Protein backbone atom coordinates (compact mmCIF):
# COMPACT_ATOMS: atom_id res chain seq x y z
CA MET A 1 84.42 62.42 -84.37
CA PRO A 2 85.73 59.93 -87.09
CA GLU A 3 89.11 58.22 -86.54
CA GLU A 4 91.84 59.98 -88.16
CA LYS A 5 93.36 58.02 -91.15
CA VAL A 6 96.73 58.31 -92.56
CA ARG A 7 98.10 56.97 -95.91
CA ILE A 8 101.45 55.04 -95.52
CA GLU A 9 103.65 53.22 -98.11
CA ILE A 10 106.06 50.34 -96.86
CA GLY A 11 108.98 49.30 -99.06
CA PHE A 12 110.32 45.81 -98.40
CA ASP A 13 113.56 44.40 -99.33
CA GLY A 14 113.23 42.62 -102.67
CA GLY A 15 111.42 45.66 -103.99
CA GLN A 16 107.86 45.06 -103.00
CA ILE A 17 105.79 48.09 -101.98
CA MET A 18 102.47 48.26 -100.35
CA GLY A 19 100.18 51.16 -99.68
CA ALA A 20 97.31 51.38 -97.18
CA LEU A 21 95.19 53.83 -95.35
CA VAL A 22 95.57 53.22 -91.68
CA SER A 23 94.60 54.80 -88.46
CA ALA A 24 96.96 57.32 -87.00
CA ASP A 25 97.42 55.09 -83.98
CA SER A 26 98.53 52.18 -86.31
CA ALA A 27 101.15 54.23 -88.20
CA ALA A 28 102.56 55.51 -84.93
CA GLU A 29 102.77 52.08 -83.67
CA LEU A 30 104.49 51.01 -86.71
CA GLU A 31 107.03 53.79 -86.20
CA ARG A 32 107.68 52.95 -82.66
CA ALA A 33 108.31 49.42 -83.55
CA LEU A 34 110.95 50.26 -86.29
CA ASP A 35 112.47 52.88 -83.88
CA GLN A 36 112.89 50.09 -81.31
CA ARG A 37 114.23 47.98 -83.92
CA THR A 38 111.75 45.11 -82.83
CA ASP A 39 111.92 42.03 -84.86
CA GLY A 40 108.79 40.07 -85.61
CA ALA A 41 105.72 41.08 -87.12
CA LEU A 42 103.00 43.82 -86.64
CA ALA A 43 99.43 43.77 -87.54
CA LEU A 44 98.18 46.88 -89.36
CA ASP A 45 94.31 47.40 -89.62
CA ALA A 46 93.58 49.35 -92.90
CA ASP A 47 90.33 50.31 -94.61
CA ASP A 48 90.70 47.24 -97.00
CA GLY A 49 91.58 44.65 -94.44
CA ARG A 50 94.41 43.50 -91.92
CA TYR A 51 98.00 43.36 -92.88
CA ILE A 52 100.73 41.53 -91.06
CA VAL A 53 104.05 42.83 -92.01
CA ALA A 54 107.47 41.45 -91.03
CA LEU A 55 109.32 44.14 -89.43
CA GLY A 56 112.84 42.97 -90.34
CA ARG A 57 112.04 43.10 -93.95
CA ILE A 58 110.91 46.79 -94.21
CA VAL A 59 113.41 49.05 -96.03
CA TYR A 60 111.31 52.24 -95.67
CA VAL A 61 108.07 53.68 -94.52
CA LYS A 62 106.56 56.88 -96.08
CA ARG A 63 103.78 58.66 -94.11
CA PHE A 64 101.87 61.01 -96.51
CA ALA A 65 101.16 64.41 -95.50
CA ARG A 66 97.39 65.35 -94.97
CA GLU A 67 96.01 67.35 -97.82
CA GLY A 68 95.62 70.88 -96.76
CA ARG A 69 93.74 72.44 -99.54
CA VAL A 70 89.98 72.49 -99.77
CA GLY A 71 88.04 73.37 -102.74
CA PHE A 72 89.42 74.57 -106.16
CA GLY A 73 92.10 77.08 -105.95
CA GLY A 74 94.60 78.59 -108.42
CA PHE A 75 98.21 77.50 -108.18
């Protein structure tokens, strides 16, 4: 079974925004570190490489919901 991937968006102070497709475990680890107000850095393994983010510079994190529709349906 393939590892579940989650799209996240991270906003930093100063206005920079990054988006990445990461494992669900990495997204949960980021949330835990922010909940604990951990200072320092966290490595996120994404589909396009490894990001090391400074936790103290993060303003927000958006975790996108999984797409629930399959196929072509009417609205």
